[in-house]
Amino acid sequence: MQDVMIIGIAGGSGSGKTTLAEKIREVFEEQVIILCHDYYYKSNEEISLEERKKLNYDHPNSFDTDLLIDHLKQLKEGNTVYHPVYSFVEHTRLNDKVEVKPTKVIILEGILIFENKELCDLMDIKVFVDTDGDVRIIRRLLRDVKERGRDLDSVINQYLGTVKPMHEEFVDPSKRRADIIIPEGGANTVALSMLLERIRNFIYK
């Protein structure tokens, strides 16, 4: 096994997980890679687009978490992996794959990464980003409409139908597995500084 630190960053949709992860990568650049659980959505290519639109994408079963676990183990062994590319417009995987080379620090980001115990056991630091629900829904609306080509009604219906119930059932309870709970994610400069110092000590020890 390589000397690798795996940092898990979990939290509800729109909580600021990605912002926190990106701020860490900005500091350490090529010494840090980010793997998103979202890359590992199941393809569901055997069913139509209309049927795929109706699936619950906020349930643990919607992810190929076994593949993610295998990729993390491969990276810890010093091997290169190729993660899937997922289309949030077509709700399926594309034919492309992205090469990921092993690094000293791996950041794993996703709403449900603390729900799976085997995945949790691979993490050295588990961070839960705890952000007010009103802020999260506004951020999700803006992201899904601007970046993912969704219409407002579909985003709201999805939020009320699956996102909010799954957050209450799976995401929020999973923070009991966190080592650190950070309000407001990347905007919390005190918590960010502490994380950066921990990572700096690991990389340059």
N, C-alpha and C. Protein backbone atom coordinates (compact mmCIF):
# COMPACT_ATOMS: atom_id res chain seq x y z
N MET A 1 0.84 -1.20 0.00
CA MET A 1 0.00 0.00 0.00
C MET A 1 0.88 1.26 0.00
N GLN A 2 0.47 2.24 -0.79
CA GLN A 2 1.16 3.52 -0.81
C GLN A 2 0.74 4.34 0.42
N ASP A 3 1.57 5.31 0.78
CA ASP A 3 1.25 6.20 1.89
C ASP A 3 0.32 7.29 1.35
N VAL A 4 -0.98 7.05 1.48
CA VAL A 4 -2.00 7.91 0.87
C VAL A 4 -3.00 8.34 1.92
N MET A 5 -3.40 9.60 1.87
CA MET A 5 -4.46 10.10 2.75
C MET A 5 -5.75 10.24 1.93
N ILE A 6 -6.82 9.64 2.41
CA ILE A 6 -8.13 9.76 1.76
C ILE A 6 -9.03 10.60 2.66
N ILE A 7 -9.51 11.71 2.12
CA ILE A 7 -10.39 12.61 2.86
C ILE A 7 -11.79 12.53 2.25
N GLY A 8 -12.75 12.15 3.05
CA GLY A 8 -14.14 12.12 2.59
C GLY A 8 -14.85 13.41 2.96
N ILE A 9 -15.51 14.01 1.98
CA ILE A 9 -16.30 15.22 2.23
C ILE A 9 -17.74 14.93 1.83
N ALA A 10 -18.61 14.84 2.82
CA ALA A 10 -20.02 14.53 2.59
C ALA A 10 -20.88 15.71 3.01
N GLY A 11 -22.18 15.60 2.76
CA GLY A 11 -23.12 16.66 3.09
C GLY A 11 -24.24 16.66 2.08
N GLY A 12 -25.29 17.38 2.36
CA GLY A 12 -26.44 17.42 1.48
C GLY A 12 -26.15 18.08 0.14
N SER A 13 -27.03 17.86 -0.81
CA SER A 13 -26.90 18.48 -2.12
C SER A 13 -26.92 20.00 -1.98
N GLY A 14 -25.89 20.67 -2.54
CA GLY A 14 -25.81 22.12 -2.45
C GLY A 14 -25.21 22.63 -1.16
N SER A 15 -24.59 21.76 -0.38
CA SER A 15 -24.07 22.17 0.94
C SER A 15 -22.75 22.91 0.85
N GLY A 16 -22.01 22.72 -0.23
CA GLY A 16 -20.69 23.37 -0.36
C GLY A 16 -19.54 22.38 -0.34
N LYS A 17 -19.82 21.10 -0.56
CA LYS A 17 -18.79 20.06 -0.57
C LYS A 17 -17.74 20.33 -1.66
N THR A 18 -18.24 20.60 -2.87
CA THR A 18 -17.34 20.79 -4.00
C THR A 18 -16.47 22.02 -3.80
N THR A 19 -17.04 23.09 -3.27
CA THR A 19 -16.27 24.32 -3.01
C THR A 19 -15.13 24.03 -2.05
N LEU A 20 -15.41 23.29 -0.99
CA LEU A 20 -14.39 22.94 -0.01
C LEU A 20 -13.30 22.10 -0.66
N ALA A 21 -13.69 21.10 -1.44
CA ALA A 21 -12.72 20.23 -2.10
C ALA A 21 -11.84 21.02 -3.06
N GLU A 22 -12.45 21.91 -3.82
CA GLU A 22 -11.70 22.69 -4.80
C GLU A 22 -10.72 23.65 -4.13
N LYS A 23 -11.10 24.21 -2.99
CA LYS A 23 -10.20 25.12 -2.28
C LYS A 23 -8.98 24.38 -1.76
N ILE A 24 -9.16 23.13 -1.37
CA ILE A 24 -8.02 22.32 -0.94
C ILE A 24 -7.12 22.03 -2.13
N ARG A 25 -7.72 21.66 -3.26
CA ARG A 25 -6.91 21.34 -4.44
C ARG A 25 -6.15 22.56 -4.96
N GLU A 26 -6.75 23.73 -4.85
CA GLU A 26 -6.08 24.95 -5.30
C GLU A 26 -4.75 25.16 -4.58
N VAL A 27 -4.71 24.75 -3.32
CA VAL A 27 -3.49 24.94 -2.52
C VAL A 27 -2.42 23.92 -2.89
N PHE A 28 -2.82 22.66 -3.06
CA PHE A 28 -1.83 21.59 -3.23
C PHE A 28 -1.71 21.10 -4.68
N GLU A 29 -2.58 21.59 -5.54
CA GLU A 29 -2.53 21.34 -6.98
C GLU A 29 -2.41 19.85 -7.30
N GLU A 30 -1.34 19.45 -8.01
CA GLU A 30 -1.27 18.08 -8.54
C GLU A 30 -1.05 17.03 -7.45
N GLN A 31 -0.82 17.45 -6.22
CA GLN A 31 -0.67 16.48 -5.14
C GLN A 31 -2.01 16.01 -4.59
N VAL A 32 -3.08 16.61 -5.08
CA VAL A 32 -4.43 16.25 -4.63
C VAL A 32 -5.30 15.94 -5.85
N ILE A 33 -6.06 14.85 -5.77
CA ILE A 33 -7.08 14.58 -6.78
C ILE A 33 -8.45 14.53 -6.09
N ILE A 34 -9.48 14.84 -6.85
CA ILE A 34 -10.85 14.78 -6.34
C ILE A 34 -11.60 13.71 -7.10
N LEU A 35 -12.18 12.78 -6.38
CA LEU A 35 -13.08 11.79 -6.96
C LEU A 35 -14.49 12.06 -6.44
N CYS A 36 -15.43 12.22 -7.34
CA CYS A 36 -16.81 12.48 -6.96
C CYS A 36 -17.64 11.19 -7.04
N HIS A 37 -18.43 10.95 -6.03
CA HIS A 37 -19.34 9.80 -6.06
C HIS A 37 -20.27 9.89 -7.26
N ASP A 38 -20.58 11.12 -7.68
CA ASP A 38 -21.47 11.32 -8.83
C ASP A 38 -20.92 10.69 -10.11
N TYR A 39 -19.60 10.54 -10.23
CA TYR A 39 -19.04 9.89 -11.41
C TYR A 39 -19.53 8.45 -11.53
N TYR A 40 -19.90 7.88 -10.39
CA TYR A 40 -20.17 6.45 -10.31
C TYR A 40 -21.66 6.10 -10.27
N TYR A 41 -22.51 7.01 -10.76
CA TYR A 41 -23.91 6.65 -10.94
C TYR A 41 -24.00 5.45 -11.89
N LYS A 42 -24.92 4.55 -11.59
CA LYS A 42 -25.14 3.42 -12.50
C LYS A 42 -25.63 3.93 -13.85
N SER A 43 -25.27 3.21 -14.90
CA SER A 43 -25.56 3.67 -16.26
C SER A 43 -27.05 3.59 -16.61
N ASN A 44 -27.70 2.51 -16.20
CA ASN A 44 -29.13 2.30 -16.52
C ASN A 44 -29.41 2.43 -18.01
N GLU A 45 -28.43 2.06 -18.83
CA GLU A 45 -28.57 2.23 -20.27
C GLU A 45 -29.61 1.31 -20.89
N GLU A 46 -30.02 0.30 -20.13
CA GLU A 46 -30.98 -0.66 -20.67
C GLU A 46 -32.41 -0.13 -20.66
N ILE A 47 -32.64 1.03 -20.02
CA ILE A 47 -34.00 1.60 -20.00
C ILE A 47 -34.00 2.95 -20.73
N SER A 48 -35.17 3.43 -21.09
CA SER A 48 -35.28 4.65 -21.89
C SER A 48 -34.96 5.89 -21.07
N LEU A 49 -34.71 7.00 -21.78
CA LEU A 49 -34.42 8.27 -21.11
C LEU A 49 -35.58 8.68 -20.22
N GLU A 50 -36.81 8.52 -20.71
CA GLU A 50 -37.98 8.90 -19.91
C GLU A 50 -38.05 8.10 -18.62
N GLU A 51 -37.71 6.82 -18.70
CA GLU A 51 -37.70 5.99 -17.50
C GLU A 51 -36.56 6.39 -16.57
N ARG A 52 -35.41 6.71 -17.16
CA ARG A 52 -34.26 7.12 -16.34
C ARG A 52 -34.54 8.41 -15.59
N LYS A 53 -35.30 9.31 -16.20
CA LYS A 53 -35.64 10.58 -15.55
C LYS A 53 -36.45 10.37 -14.27
N LYS A 54 -37.15 9.25 -14.19
CA LYS A 54 -38.04 8.99 -13.05
C LYS A 54 -37.33 8.27 -11.90
N LEU A 55 -36.08 7.86 -12.11
CA LEU A 55 -35.38 7.10 -11.07
C LEU A 55 -35.00 7.99 -9.89
N ASN A 56 -34.81 7.35 -8.75
CA ASN A 56 -34.40 8.06 -7.53
C ASN A 56 -32.88 8.09 -7.47
N TYR A 57 -32.30 9.24 -7.80
CA TYR A 57 -30.84 9.37 -7.85
C TYR A 57 -30.23 9.77 -6.51
N ASP A 58 -31.04 9.84 -5.48
CA ASP A 58 -30.54 10.21 -4.16
C ASP A 58 -30.58 9.04 -3.18
N HIS A 59 -30.77 7.83 -3.73
CA HIS A 59 -30.76 6.61 -2.93
C HIS A 59 -29.41 5.92 -3.09
N PRO A 60 -28.88 5.31 -2.05
CA PRO A 60 -27.58 4.63 -2.16
C PRO A 60 -27.50 3.62 -3.30
N ASN A 61 -28.62 2.98 -3.64
CA ASN A 61 -28.60 1.96 -4.69
C ASN A 61 -28.41 2.53 -6.09
N SER A 62 -28.46 3.86 -6.23
CA SER A 62 -28.30 4.45 -7.56
C SER A 62 -26.82 4.55 -7.95
N PHE A 63 -25.91 4.24 -7.02
CA PHE A 63 -24.47 4.35 -7.27
C PHE A 63 -23.81 2.98 -7.40
N ASP A 64 -22.79 2.93 -8.24
CA ASP A 64 -21.93 1.75 -8.32
C ASP A 64 -20.78 1.96 -7.34
N THR A 65 -21.10 1.87 -6.07
CA THR A 65 -20.12 2.16 -5.02
C THR A 65 -19.02 1.10 -4.97
N ASP A 66 -19.34 -0.12 -5.36
CA ASP A 66 -18.32 -1.17 -5.38
C ASP A 66 -17.18 -0.81 -6.33
N LEU A 67 -17.51 -0.21 -7.48
CA LEU A 67 -16.48 0.21 -8.42
C LEU A 67 -15.62 1.32 -7.83
N LEU A 68 -16.26 2.26 -7.14
CA LEU A 68 -15.52 3.34 -6.48
C LEU A 68 -14.57 2.79 -5.44
N ILE A 69 -15.03 1.85 -4.64
CA ILE A 69 -14.18 1.23 -3.61
C ILE A 69 -12.98 0.56 -4.26
N ASP A 70 -13.22 -0.17 -5.35
CA ASP A 70 -12.13 -0.83 -6.07
C ASP A 70 -11.12 0.19 -6.59
N HIS A 71 -11.62 1.31 -7.14
CA HIS A 71 -10.72 2.34 -7.66
C HIS A 71 -9.87 2.96 -6.55
N LEU A 72 -10.47 3.19 -5.40
CA LEU A 72 -9.70 3.76 -4.27
C LEU A 72 -8.60 2.79 -3.82
N LYS A 73 -8.93 1.52 -3.77
CA LYS A 73 -7.93 0.53 -3.36
C LYS A 73 -6.80 0.46 -4.39
N GLN A 74 -7.16 0.55 -5.67
CA GLN A 74 -6.14 0.54 -6.73
C GLN A 74 -5.22 1.75 -6.62
N LEU A 75 -5.81 2.91 -6.36
CA LEU A 75 -5.00 4.13 -6.21
C LEU A 75 -4.07 4.03 -5.01
N LYS A 76 -4.56 3.45 -3.92
CA LYS A 76 -3.71 3.27 -2.74
C LYS A 76 -2.55 2.32 -3.03
N GLU A 77 -2.77 1.40 -3.97
CA GLU A 77 -1.71 0.48 -4.37
C GLU A 77 -0.73 1.13 -5.34
N GLY A 78 -1.03 2.35 -5.77
CA GLY A 78 -0.15 3.04 -6.70
C GLY A 78 -0.50 2.83 -8.16
N ASN A 79 -1.72 2.32 -8.42
CA ASN A 79 -2.14 2.05 -9.79
C ASN A 79 -3.01 3.17 -10.34
N THR A 80 -2.94 3.38 -11.64
CA THR A 80 -3.81 4.33 -12.33
C THR A 80 -5.17 3.70 -12.57
N VAL A 81 -6.24 4.50 -12.43
CA VAL A 81 -7.60 4.02 -12.70
C VAL A 81 -8.26 4.94 -13.73
N TYR A 82 -9.41 4.50 -14.21
CA TYR A 82 -10.17 5.29 -15.20
C TYR A 82 -11.61 5.37 -14.72
N HIS A 83 -12.01 6.55 -14.23
CA HIS A 83 -13.36 6.66 -13.69
C HIS A 83 -14.37 6.95 -14.80
N PRO A 84 -15.62 6.52 -14.61
CA PRO A 84 -16.66 6.75 -15.61
C PRO A 84 -16.98 8.24 -15.75
N VAL A 85 -17.60 8.58 -16.87
CA VAL A 85 -18.10 9.93 -17.10
C VAL A 85 -19.62 9.84 -17.21
N TYR A 86 -20.31 10.60 -16.37
CA TYR A 86 -21.77 10.51 -16.31
C TYR A 86 -22.41 11.78 -16.86
N SER A 87 -23.45 11.62 -17.66
CA SER A 87 -24.20 12.75 -18.21
C SER A 87 -25.46 12.99 -17.38
N PHE A 88 -25.56 14.18 -16.79
CA PHE A 88 -26.74 14.52 -16.02
C PHE A 88 -27.88 15.00 -16.91
N VAL A 89 -27.60 15.14 -18.19
CA VAL A 89 -28.65 15.49 -19.16
C VAL A 89 -29.31 14.22 -19.67
N GLU A 90 -28.48 13.22 -20.02
CA GLU A 90 -28.99 11.95 -20.55
C GLU A 90 -29.25 10.92 -19.44
N HIS A 91 -28.80 11.22 -18.24
CA HIS A 91 -28.96 10.30 -17.10
C HIS A 91 -28.36 8.93 -17.38
N THR A 92 -27.17 8.94 -17.94
CA THR A 92 -26.48 7.67 -18.20
C THR A 92 -24.99 7.95 -18.35
N ARG A 93 -24.20 6.90 -18.36
CA ARG A 93 -22.76 7.06 -18.56
C ARG A 93 -22.45 7.27 -20.04
N LEU A 94 -21.43 8.09 -20.28
CA LEU A 94 -20.93 8.28 -21.63
C LEU A 94 -19.86 7.22 -21.91
N ASN A 95 -19.41 7.15 -23.14
CA ASN A 95 -18.39 6.16 -23.49
C ASN A 95 -17.00 6.56 -23.00
N ASP A 96 -16.83 7.84 -22.68
CA ASP A 96 -15.53 8.33 -22.24
C ASP A 96 -15.20 7.85 -20.83
N LYS A 97 -13.90 7.82 -20.54
CA LYS A 97 -13.41 7.58 -19.19
C LYS A 97 -12.29 8.58 -18.92
N VAL A 98 -12.07 8.89 -17.65
CA VAL A 98 -11.05 9.86 -17.27
C VAL A 98 -9.94 9.16 -16.49
N GLU A 99 -8.71 9.37 -16.94
CA GLU A 99 -7.55 8.78 -16.28
C GLU A 99 -7.28 9.48 -14.95
N VAL A 100 -7.06 8.68 -13.93
CA VAL A 100 -6.72 9.22 -12.61
C VAL A 100 -5.46 8.52 -12.13
N LYS A 101 -4.40 9.31 -11.95
CA LYS A 101 -3.13 8.75 -11.47
C LYS A 101 -3.04 8.88 -9.96
N PRO A 102 -2.34 7.96 -9.32
CA PRO A 102 -2.23 8.00 -7.85
C PRO A 102 -1.53 9.26 -7.35
N THR A 103 -1.99 9.77 -6.22
CA THR A 103 -1.40 10.95 -5.60
C THR A 103 -1.31 10.74 -4.09
N LYS A 104 -0.68 11.69 -3.41
CA LYS A 104 -0.54 11.59 -1.95
C LYS A 104 -1.87 11.75 -1.23
N VAL A 105 -2.75 12.60 -1.79
CA VAL A 105 -4.02 12.90 -1.14
C VAL A 105 -5.17 12.71 -2.13
N ILE A 106 -6.17 11.98 -1.70
CA ILE A 106 -7.38 11.78 -2.50
C ILE A 106 -8.55 12.37 -1.73
N ILE A 107 -9.29 13.27 -2.37
CA ILE A 107 -10.52 13.79 -1.78
C ILE A 107 -11.70 13.09 -2.43
N LEU A 108 -12.51 12.47 -1.62
CA LEU A 108 -13.71 11.80 -2.10
C LEU A 108 -14.91 12.64 -1.68
N GLU A 109 -15.73 13.01 -2.65
CA GLU A 109 -16.83 13.94 -2.38
C GLU A 109 -18.16 13.37 -2.84
N GLY A 110 -19.20 13.49 -2.00
CA GLY A 110 -20.52 13.00 -2.39
C GLY A 110 -21.51 13.05 -1.25
N ILE A 111 -22.78 13.04 -1.59
CA ILE A 111 -23.82 13.15 -0.56
C ILE A 111 -23.92 11.90 0.30
N LEU A 112 -23.59 10.73 -0.26
CA LEU A 112 -23.85 9.47 0.43
C LEU A 112 -22.60 8.66 0.73
N ILE A 113 -21.44 9.29 0.71
CA ILE A 113 -20.22 8.50 0.89
C ILE A 113 -20.05 7.97 2.32
N PHE A 114 -20.73 8.57 3.30
CA PHE A 114 -20.65 8.07 4.67
C PHE A 114 -21.70 6.99 4.96
N GLU A 115 -22.60 6.78 4.00
CA GLU A 115 -23.65 5.79 4.20
C GLU A 115 -23.11 4.37 4.11
N ASN A 116 -22.03 4.21 3.33
CA ASN A 116 -21.45 2.89 3.08
C ASN A 116 -20.26 2.67 4.02
N LYS A 117 -20.35 1.67 4.90
CA LYS A 117 -19.30 1.45 5.91
C LYS A 117 -17.97 1.06 5.29
N GLU A 118 -18.00 0.21 4.25
CA GLU A 118 -16.75 -0.21 3.63
C GLU A 118 -16.02 0.98 3.02
N LEU A 119 -16.79 1.88 2.42
CA LEU A 119 -16.21 3.09 1.85
C LEU A 119 -15.65 3.98 2.96
N CYS A 120 -16.41 4.13 4.03
CA CYS A 120 -15.97 4.94 5.18
C CYS A 120 -14.66 4.42 5.76
N ASP A 121 -14.51 3.11 5.81
CA ASP A 121 -13.33 2.52 6.43
C ASP A 121 -12.05 2.83 5.65
N LEU A 122 -12.17 3.24 4.39
CA LEU A 122 -11.01 3.61 3.59
C LEU A 122 -10.55 5.04 3.85
N MET A 123 -11.39 5.83 4.51
CA MET A 123 -11.10 7.26 4.71
C MET A 123 -10.29 7.50 5.98
N ASP A 124 -9.34 8.42 5.86
CA ASP A 124 -8.54 8.82 7.01
C ASP A 124 -9.17 9.99 7.76
N ILE A 125 -9.84 10.86 7.03
CA ILE A 125 -10.56 11.99 7.64
C ILE A 125 -11.93 12.07 7.00
N LYS A 126 -12.96 12.17 7.83
CA LYS A 126 -14.34 12.26 7.33
C LYS A 126 -14.94 13.61 7.74
N VAL A 127 -15.25 14.41 6.74
CA VAL A 127 -15.76 15.77 6.95
C VAL A 127 -17.20 15.84 6.46
N PHE A 128 -18.08 16.34 7.31
CA PHE A 128 -19.48 16.55 6.90
C PHE A 128 -19.75 18.05 6.84
N VAL A 129 -20.19 18.51 5.67
CA VAL A 129 -20.51 19.92 5.48
C VAL A 129 -21.99 20.12 5.81
N ASP A 130 -22.26 20.87 6.85
CA ASP A 130 -23.62 21.05 7.36
C ASP A 130 -24.12 22.44 7.02
N THR A 131 -25.05 22.52 6.07
CA THR A 131 -25.54 23.81 5.57
C THR A 131 -27.06 23.83 5.63
N ASP A 132 -27.60 24.99 5.95
CA ASP A 132 -29.05 25.17 6.07
C ASP A 132 -29.79 24.71 4.81
N GLY A 133 -30.94 24.06 5.00
CA GLY A 133 -31.70 23.51 3.89
C GLY A 133 -32.15 24.54 2.87
N ASP A 134 -32.50 25.75 3.31
CA ASP A 134 -32.92 26.80 2.38
C ASP A 134 -31.77 27.19 1.44
N VAL A 135 -30.58 27.26 1.99
CA VAL A 135 -29.41 27.61 1.17
C VAL A 135 -29.13 26.50 0.17
N ARG A 136 -29.26 25.25 0.61
CA ARG A 136 -28.96 24.12 -0.26
C ARG A 136 -29.92 24.03 -1.45
N ILE A 137 -31.21 24.25 -1.22
CA ILE A 137 -32.17 24.15 -2.33
C ILE A 137 -31.96 25.26 -3.34
N ILE A 138 -31.62 26.47 -2.88
CA ILE A 138 -31.35 27.58 -3.81
C ILE A 138 -30.13 27.26 -4.67
N ARG A 139 -29.08 26.76 -4.03
CA ARG A 139 -27.86 26.40 -4.79
C ARG A 139 -28.16 25.30 -5.80
N ARG A 140 -28.96 24.32 -5.39
CA ARG A 140 -29.28 23.22 -6.30
C ARG A 140 -30.10 23.71 -7.49
N LEU A 141 -31.06 24.58 -7.22
CA LEU A 141 -31.86 25.15 -8.31
C LEU A 141 -30.98 25.84 -9.35
N LEU A 142 -30.09 26.69 -8.87
CA LEU A 142 -29.21 27.43 -9.77
C LEU A 142 -28.32 26.48 -10.57
N ARG A 143 -27.75 25.49 -9.90
CA ARG A 143 -26.85 24.55 -10.58
C ARG A 143 -27.57 23.72 -11.63
N ASP A 144 -28.71 23.14 -11.25
CA ASP A 144 -29.40 22.23 -12.17
C ASP A 144 -29.99 22.94 -13.37
N VAL A 145 -30.44 24.17 -13.18
CA VAL A 145 -31.02 24.92 -14.30
C VAL A 145 -29.90 25.46 -15.20
N LYS A 146 -28.85 26.05 -14.61
CA LYS A 146 -27.80 26.68 -15.41
C LYS A 146 -26.82 25.68 -16.00
N GLU A 147 -26.44 24.65 -15.21
CA GLU A 147 -25.37 23.77 -15.63
C GLU A 147 -25.85 22.44 -16.20
N ARG A 148 -27.03 22.01 -15.82
CA ARG A 148 -27.48 20.67 -16.21
C ARG A 148 -28.71 20.69 -17.12
N GLY A 149 -29.10 21.89 -17.54
CA GLY A 149 -30.17 21.99 -18.53
C GLY A 149 -31.54 21.56 -18.06
N ARG A 150 -31.79 21.60 -16.77
CA ARG A 150 -33.11 21.21 -16.24
C ARG A 150 -34.04 22.41 -16.22
N ASP A 151 -35.35 22.13 -16.26
CA ASP A 151 -36.30 23.23 -16.07
C ASP A 151 -36.68 23.32 -14.60
N LEU A 152 -37.17 24.49 -14.21
CA LEU A 152 -37.40 24.78 -12.80
C LEU A 152 -38.37 23.79 -12.16
N ASP A 153 -39.46 23.47 -12.85
CA ASP A 153 -40.46 22.56 -12.29
C ASP A 153 -39.88 21.18 -12.00
N SER A 154 -39.05 20.66 -12.92
CA SER A 154 -38.50 19.32 -12.72
C SER A 154 -37.54 19.30 -11.53
N VAL A 155 -36.79 20.39 -11.35
CA VAL A 155 -35.85 20.45 -10.23
C VAL A 155 -36.61 20.48 -8.90
N ILE A 156 -37.67 21.28 -8.83
CA ILE A 156 -38.47 21.38 -7.61
C ILE A 156 -39.16 20.05 -7.31
N ASN A 157 -39.72 19.43 -8.35
CA ASN A 157 -40.41 18.15 -8.16
C ASN A 157 -39.45 17.08 -7.67
N GLN A 158 -38.24 17.07 -8.25
CA GLN A 158 -37.24 16.10 -7.83
C GLN A 158 -36.82 16.36 -6.38
N TYR A 159 -36.66 17.62 -6.03
CA TYR A 159 -36.24 17.96 -4.67
C TYR A 159 -37.27 17.47 -3.65
N LEU A 160 -38.53 17.77 -3.92
CA LEU A 160 -39.59 17.39 -2.98
C LEU A 160 -39.84 15.89 -2.99
N GLY A 161 -39.69 15.27 -4.17
CA GLY A 161 -40.02 13.85 -4.30
C GLY A 161 -38.95 12.91 -3.79
N THR A 162 -37.67 13.24 -4.03
CA THR A 162 -36.60 12.32 -3.63
C THR A 162 -35.46 12.98 -2.85
N VAL A 163 -35.03 14.17 -3.26
CA VAL A 163 -33.84 14.77 -2.64
C VAL A 163 -34.06 15.00 -1.14
N LYS A 164 -35.14 15.68 -0.81
CA LYS A 164 -35.39 16.00 0.61
C LYS A 164 -35.65 14.73 1.44
N PRO A 165 -36.53 13.81 0.97
CA PRO A 165 -36.75 12.59 1.77
C PRO A 165 -35.49 11.75 1.94
N MET A 166 -34.68 11.63 0.87
CA MET A 166 -33.45 10.84 0.98
C MET A 166 -32.41 11.52 1.86
N HIS A 167 -32.40 12.85 1.85
CA HIS A 167 -31.50 13.57 2.75
C HIS A 167 -31.85 13.24 4.20
N GLU A 168 -33.14 13.25 4.49
CA GLU A 168 -33.57 12.99 5.86
C GLU A 168 -33.35 11.53 6.26
N GLU A 169 -33.47 10.61 5.28
CA GLU A 169 -33.34 9.19 5.60
C GLU A 169 -31.89 8.71 5.63
N PHE A 170 -31.07 9.22 4.72
CA PHE A 170 -29.72 8.69 4.58
C PHE A 170 -28.60 9.70 4.84
N VAL A 171 -28.71 10.90 4.24
CA VAL A 171 -27.59 11.83 4.27
C VAL A 171 -27.37 12.41 5.67
N ASP A 172 -28.39 13.02 6.22
CA ASP A 172 -28.23 13.67 7.53
C ASP A 172 -27.81 12.68 8.62
N PRO A 173 -28.44 11.47 8.69
CA PRO A 173 -28.00 10.53 9.72
C PRO A 173 -26.55 10.07 9.55
N SER A 174 -26.03 10.13 8.32
CA SER A 174 -24.67 9.63 8.08
C SER A 174 -23.60 10.52 8.72
N LYS A 175 -23.98 11.73 9.13
CA LYS A 175 -22.96 12.60 9.73
C LYS A 175 -22.49 12.10 11.09
N ARG A 176 -23.15 11.12 11.64
CA ARG A 176 -22.67 10.53 12.89
C ARG A 176 -21.32 9.83 12.68
N ARG A 177 -20.99 9.52 11.43
CA ARG A 177 -19.71 8.88 11.13
C ARG A 177 -18.59 9.89 10.88
N ALA A 178 -18.95 11.17 10.86
CA ALA A 178 -17.96 12.21 10.54
C ALA A 178 -16.99 12.43 11.69
N ASP A 179 -15.75 12.75 11.35
CA ASP A 179 -14.78 13.18 12.35
C ASP A 179 -14.92 14.67 12.63
N ILE A 180 -15.30 15.43 11.58
CA ILE A 180 -15.42 16.88 11.67
C ILE A 180 -16.72 17.30 11.00
N ILE A 181 -17.48 18.17 11.63
CA ILE A 181 -18.68 18.76 11.02
C ILE A 181 -18.40 20.23 10.79
N ILE A 182 -18.48 20.66 9.53
CA ILE A 182 -18.15 22.04 9.16
C ILE A 182 -19.39 22.78 8.68
N PRO A 183 -19.85 23.79 9.38
CA PRO A 183 -20.94 24.62 8.87
C PRO A 183 -20.45 25.44 7.67
N GLU A 184 -21.24 25.44 6.59
CA GLU A 184 -21.00 26.31 5.43
C GLU A 184 -19.80 25.94 4.56
N GLY A 185 -19.20 24.79 4.76
CA GLY A 185 -18.19 24.29 3.84
C GLY A 185 -17.02 25.22 3.59
N GLY A 186 -16.74 25.49 2.29
CA GLY A 186 -15.57 26.27 1.91
C GLY A 186 -15.59 27.69 2.42
N ALA A 187 -16.74 28.18 2.82
CA ALA A 187 -16.84 29.54 3.36
C ALA A 187 -16.35 29.61 4.80
N ASN A 188 -16.16 28.46 5.43
CA ASN A 188 -15.70 28.42 6.81
C ASN A 188 -14.17 28.42 6.81
N THR A 189 -13.58 29.61 6.89
CA THR A 189 -12.14 29.75 6.73
C THR A 189 -11.34 29.13 7.88
N VAL A 190 -11.91 29.12 9.08
CA VAL A 190 -11.21 28.53 10.23
C VAL A 190 -11.06 27.02 10.03
N ALA A 191 -12.16 26.36 9.69
CA ALA A 191 -12.12 24.92 9.47
C ALA A 191 -11.24 24.57 8.27
N LEU A 192 -11.32 25.38 7.21
CA LEU A 192 -10.50 25.15 6.03
C LEU A 192 -9.01 25.22 6.38
N SER A 193 -8.63 26.21 7.17
CA SER A 193 -7.23 26.37 7.57
C SER A 193 -6.74 25.15 8.36
N MET A 194 -7.59 24.62 9.22
CA MET A 194 -7.21 23.44 10.00
C MET A 194 -7.00 22.23 9.10
N LEU A 195 -7.88 22.06 8.13
CA LEU A 195 -7.74 20.95 7.19
C LEU A 195 -6.47 21.09 6.36
N LEU A 196 -6.22 22.30 5.87
CA LEU A 196 -5.03 22.54 5.06
C LEU A 196 -3.75 22.24 5.83
N GLU A 197 -3.74 22.60 7.10
CA GLU A 197 -2.56 22.35 7.93
C GLU A 197 -2.35 20.85 8.13
N ARG A 198 -3.44 20.12 8.33
CA ARG A 198 -3.33 18.66 8.50
C ARG A 198 -2.79 18.01 7.23
N ILE A 199 -3.29 18.45 6.08
CA ILE A 199 -2.84 17.90 4.81
C ILE A 199 -1.38 18.28 4.55
N ARG A 200 -1.02 19.51 4.84
CA ARG A 200 0.36 19.99 4.63
C ARG A 200 1.34 19.15 5.46
N ASN A 201 0.98 18.87 6.69
CA ASN A 201 1.84 18.05 7.55
C ASN A 201 2.00 16.64 7.01
N PHE A 202 0.92 16.12 6.40
CA PHE A 202 0.99 14.77 5.84
C PHE A 202 1.87 14.72 4.60
N ILE A 203 1.69 15.69 3.70
CA ILE A 203 2.42 15.69 2.43
C ILE A 203 3.91 15.92 2.64
N TYR A 204 4.24 16.85 3.56
CA TYR A 204 5.63 17.25 3.71
C TYR A 204 6.31 16.68 4.94
N LYS A 205 5.73 15.63 5.50
CA LYS A 205 6.32 15.05 6.72
C LYS A 205 7.67 14.39 6.42
